[in-house]
Amino acid sequence: MSENAPADAPATSPEPALAPVDPQDLAVLEEQLGRVPRGVVGIAARCVCGRPLVARTAPRLPDGSPFPTTFYLSHPGAVAAASRLEAVGVMKEMNERLAHDDELAAAYRAAHEHYIAQREALGHVEEIAGISAGGMPTRVKCLHALMAHALAAGPGVNPIGDETLELAKDDWRPDRCTC
């Protein structure tokens, strides 16, 4: 667990405040991603064992590039589960429902606004103003990004991210360590 979160906090609880990124977390992220992580400002969600699930990234990378993906899914098991769901065409059905279900569409737009607000809290980058991730607010484009947002924000914020977590539970779950 982070220094900011109580030891008994749920695995997917968001960090209450940004603390300096622990070098051990950066080492774990590098191991998980297979590359040096870029622009990490915090760990947005952790495995029940304490290792990162989701990195929180700056809206502008150190090289100056704008980076809209505030919540970056890092855990290999979660990444694989999201990839499997994408491979079997889950997004097509989600997009169809999104186009015809006004309540789902409104909740998804609210998730988009939440995502943008979370990024804006880190700083404003004009090139990505109004852009969130995962296809929000009008389509489902990347289950990895939506799962990361759901893990970082907690249940009830991103309906498609929550649904992705539910669909992935036979392959990967945030309440069971597979690190």
Protein backbone atom coordinates (compact mmCIF):
# COMPACT_ATOMS: atom_id res chain seq x y z
CA MET A 1 0.00 0.00 0.00
CA SER A 2 1.07 3.59 -0.47
CA GLU A 3 2.07 5.73 2.45
CA ASN A 4 -1.14 7.72 1.88
CA ALA A 5 -3.55 4.78 2.01
CA PRO A 6 -4.46 2.85 5.14
CA ALA A 7 -3.27 -0.76 5.21
CA ASP A 8 -6.84 -2.06 5.04
CA ALA A 9 -7.88 0.12 2.06
CA PRO A 10 -9.49 -1.71 -0.88
CA ALA A 11 -7.10 -2.66 -3.68
CA THR A 12 -8.69 -0.29 -6.15
CA SER A 13 -8.98 2.78 -3.93
CA PRO A 14 -7.51 5.86 -5.57
CA GLU A 15 -4.57 7.64 -3.98
CA PRO A 16 -5.99 10.48 -1.85
CA ALA A 17 -3.08 12.82 -2.63
CA LEU A 18 -0.05 12.80 -4.86
CA ALA A 19 3.12 11.86 -3.07
CA PRO A 20 6.52 11.54 -4.71
CA VAL A 21 6.66 8.39 -6.81
CA ASP A 22 8.50 5.66 -4.96
CA PRO A 23 11.54 4.35 -6.89
CA GLN A 24 10.39 0.80 -6.09
CA ASP A 25 7.06 1.52 -7.81
CA LEU A 26 8.92 2.83 -10.85
CA ALA A 27 11.02 -0.36 -10.91
CA VAL A 28 7.87 -2.50 -10.76
CA LEU A 29 6.25 -0.45 -13.54
CA GLU A 30 9.35 -0.92 -15.69
CA GLU A 31 9.17 -4.67 -15.09
CA GLN A 32 5.44 -4.75 -15.86
CA LEU A 33 5.65 -2.60 -18.99
CA GLY A 34 8.95 -3.92 -20.31
CA ARG A 35 10.21 -0.36 -20.73
CA VAL A 36 11.02 2.69 -18.66
CA PRO A 37 7.73 4.31 -17.57
CA ARG A 38 7.20 7.89 -18.72
CA GLY A 39 5.64 10.80 -16.86
CA VAL A 40 4.48 8.79 -13.82
CA VAL A 41 3.21 11.07 -11.04
CA GLY A 42 1.60 8.43 -8.84
CA ILE A 43 0.07 5.01 -8.50
CA ALA A 44 -3.67 5.30 -9.02
CA ALA A 45 -4.56 1.72 -8.03
CA ARG A 46 -2.69 -1.14 -6.42
CA CYS A 47 -2.92 -4.90 -6.27
CA VAL A 48 -3.95 -6.37 -2.94
CA CYS A 49 -0.23 -7.19 -2.50
CA GLY A 50 0.66 -3.50 -2.90
CA ARG A 51 2.20 -3.57 -6.39
CA PRO A 52 0.96 -1.09 -9.03
CA LEU A 53 -2.10 -1.89 -11.14
CA VAL A 54 -2.54 1.56 -12.66
CA ALA A 55 0.00 4.37 -13.07
CA ARG A 56 -1.17 7.96 -12.98
CA THR A 57 0.68 9.96 -15.61
CA ALA A 58 1.29 13.64 -16.24
CA PRO A 59 -0.64 15.29 -19.06
CA ARG A 60 2.67 16.31 -20.63
CA LEU A 61 5.56 13.85 -20.80
CA PRO A 62 9.12 14.88 -19.93
CA ASP A 63 9.94 15.23 -23.64
CA GLY A 64 7.12 17.79 -24.00
CA SER A 65 4.63 15.50 -25.74
CA PRO A 66 1.00 15.86 -24.68
CA PHE A 67 -0.25 12.63 -23.08
CA PRO A 68 -4.02 12.23 -22.57
CA THR A 69 -3.82 8.80 -20.88
CA THR A 70 -3.90 9.84 -17.23
CA PHE A 71 -4.62 6.32 -15.98
CA TYR A 72 -2.33 3.71 -17.54
CA LEU A 73 -3.03 0.02 -16.96
CA SER A 74 0.26 -1.65 -16.02
CA HIS A 75 -0.45 -5.03 -14.43
CA PRO A 76 0.29 -7.77 -17.01
CA GLY A 77 -2.68 -9.89 -15.94
CA ALA A 78 -5.09 -6.99 -16.27
CA VAL A 79 -3.59 -5.96 -19.62
CA ALA A 80 -3.94 -9.54 -20.92
CA ALA A 81 -7.55 -9.77 -19.70
CA ALA A 82 -8.48 -6.51 -21.45
CA SER A 83 -6.72 -7.69 -24.62
CA ARG A 84 -8.64 -10.99 -24.60
CA LEU A 85 -11.95 -9.13 -24.29
CA GLU A 86 -11.01 -6.84 -27.18
CA ALA A 87 -10.01 -9.86 -29.28
CA VAL A 88 -13.43 -11.50 -28.90
CA GLY A 89 -15.27 -8.35 -30.03
CA VAL A 90 -16.74 -7.14 -26.75
CA MET A 91 -16.33 -3.51 -27.81
CA LYS A 92 -18.73 -3.88 -30.76
CA GLU A 93 -21.59 -4.90 -28.46
CA MET A 94 -20.67 -2.17 -25.96
CA ASN A 95 -20.71 0.44 -28.72
CA GLU A 96 -24.13 -0.75 -29.91
CA ARG A 97 -25.53 -0.47 -26.37
CA LEU A 98 -23.92 2.93 -25.93
CA ALA A 99 -25.62 4.18 -29.10
CA HIS A 100 -29.08 3.04 -27.95
CA ASP A 101 -29.06 3.32 -24.16
CA ASP A 102 -29.45 6.94 -23.09
CA GLU A 103 -28.79 6.19 -19.42
CA LEU A 104 -25.56 4.33 -20.22
CA ALA A 105 -24.50 7.11 -22.59
CA ALA A 106 -25.10 9.76 -19.90
CA ALA A 107 -23.09 7.79 -17.32
CA TYR A 108 -20.29 7.31 -19.85
CA ARG A 109 -20.25 11.07 -20.59
CA ALA A 110 -19.98 11.68 -16.83
CA ALA A 111 -17.03 9.25 -16.72
CA HIS A 112 -15.42 11.26 -19.53
CA GLU A 113 -15.84 14.47 -17.52
CA HIS A 114 -14.39 12.78 -14.41
CA TYR A 115 -11.39 11.62 -16.40
CA ILE A 116 -10.73 15.10 -17.76
CA ALA A 117 -11.10 16.65 -14.30
CA GLN A 118 -8.58 14.17 -12.89
CA ARG A 119 -6.10 15.08 -15.62
CA GLU A 120 -6.72 18.81 -15.27
CA ALA A 121 -5.89 18.49 -11.57
CA LEU A 122 -2.38 17.63 -12.74
CA GLY A 123 -2.16 20.52 -15.17
CA HIS A 124 -3.77 21.93 -18.30
CA VAL A 125 -2.39 20.95 -21.69
CA GLU A 126 -4.19 22.79 -24.48
CA GLU A 127 -3.44 20.17 -27.17
CA ILE A 128 -5.49 17.55 -25.31
CA ALA A 129 -8.17 19.77 -23.77
CA GLY A 130 -11.49 17.94 -23.82
CA ILE A 131 -9.93 14.60 -24.78
CA SER A 132 -10.13 11.72 -22.33
CA ALA A 133 -9.29 8.09 -23.14
CA GLY A 134 -10.73 4.81 -24.29
CA GLY A 135 -13.08 6.43 -26.81
CA MET A 136 -15.05 8.39 -24.21
CA PRO A 137 -17.52 10.00 -24.39
CA THR A 138 -19.10 8.58 -27.55
CA ARG A 139 -17.55 5.18 -28.23
CA VAL A 140 -15.65 2.29 -26.71
CA LYS A 141 -12.19 2.19 -28.24
CA CYS A 142 -9.74 0.83 -25.63
CA LEU A 143 -10.77 -1.47 -22.80
CA HIS A 144 -7.31 -1.11 -21.22
CA ALA A 145 -7.87 2.62 -20.66
CA LEU A 146 -11.42 2.13 -19.42
CA MET A 147 -10.39 -0.64 -17.04
CA ALA A 148 -7.57 1.57 -15.73
CA HIS A 149 -10.01 4.42 -15.12
CA ALA A 150 -12.44 2.12 -13.31
CA LEU A 151 -9.65 0.75 -11.10
CA ALA A 152 -8.36 4.25 -10.31
CA ALA A 153 -11.73 5.90 -9.72
CA GLY A 154 -13.50 3.02 -7.99
CA PRO A 155 -16.87 1.43 -8.76
CA GLY A 156 -19.69 3.51 -10.17
CA VAL A 157 -17.63 6.15 -11.99
CA ASN A 158 -17.04 4.50 -15.38
CA PRO A 159 -19.84 2.08 -16.32
CA ILE A 160 -17.99 0.54 -19.26
CA GLY A 161 -14.81 0.19 -17.21
CA ASP A 162 -16.82 -1.46 -14.42
CA GLU A 163 -18.40 -3.81 -16.95
CA THR A 164 -14.97 -4.64 -18.37
CA LEU A 165 -13.75 -5.58 -14.89
CA GLU A 166 -16.80 -7.80 -14.43
CA LEU A 167 -16.27 -9.49 -17.81
CA ALA A 168 -12.57 -10.04 -17.04
CA LYS A 169 -13.12 -11.66 -13.64
CA ASP A 170 -12.63 -15.23 -14.89
CA ASP A 171 -9.17 -14.26 -16.19
CA TRP A 172 -8.11 -11.51 -13.77
CA ARG A 173 -9.55 -9.80 -10.71
CA PRO A 174 -8.24 -6.85 -8.68
CA ASP A 175 -9.05 -8.56 -5.38
CA ARG A 176 -6.80 -11.54 -6.05
CA CYS A 177 -3.03 -11.19 -6.40
CA THR A 178 -1.48 -12.72 -9.51
CA CYS A 179 1.77 -10.77 -9.38
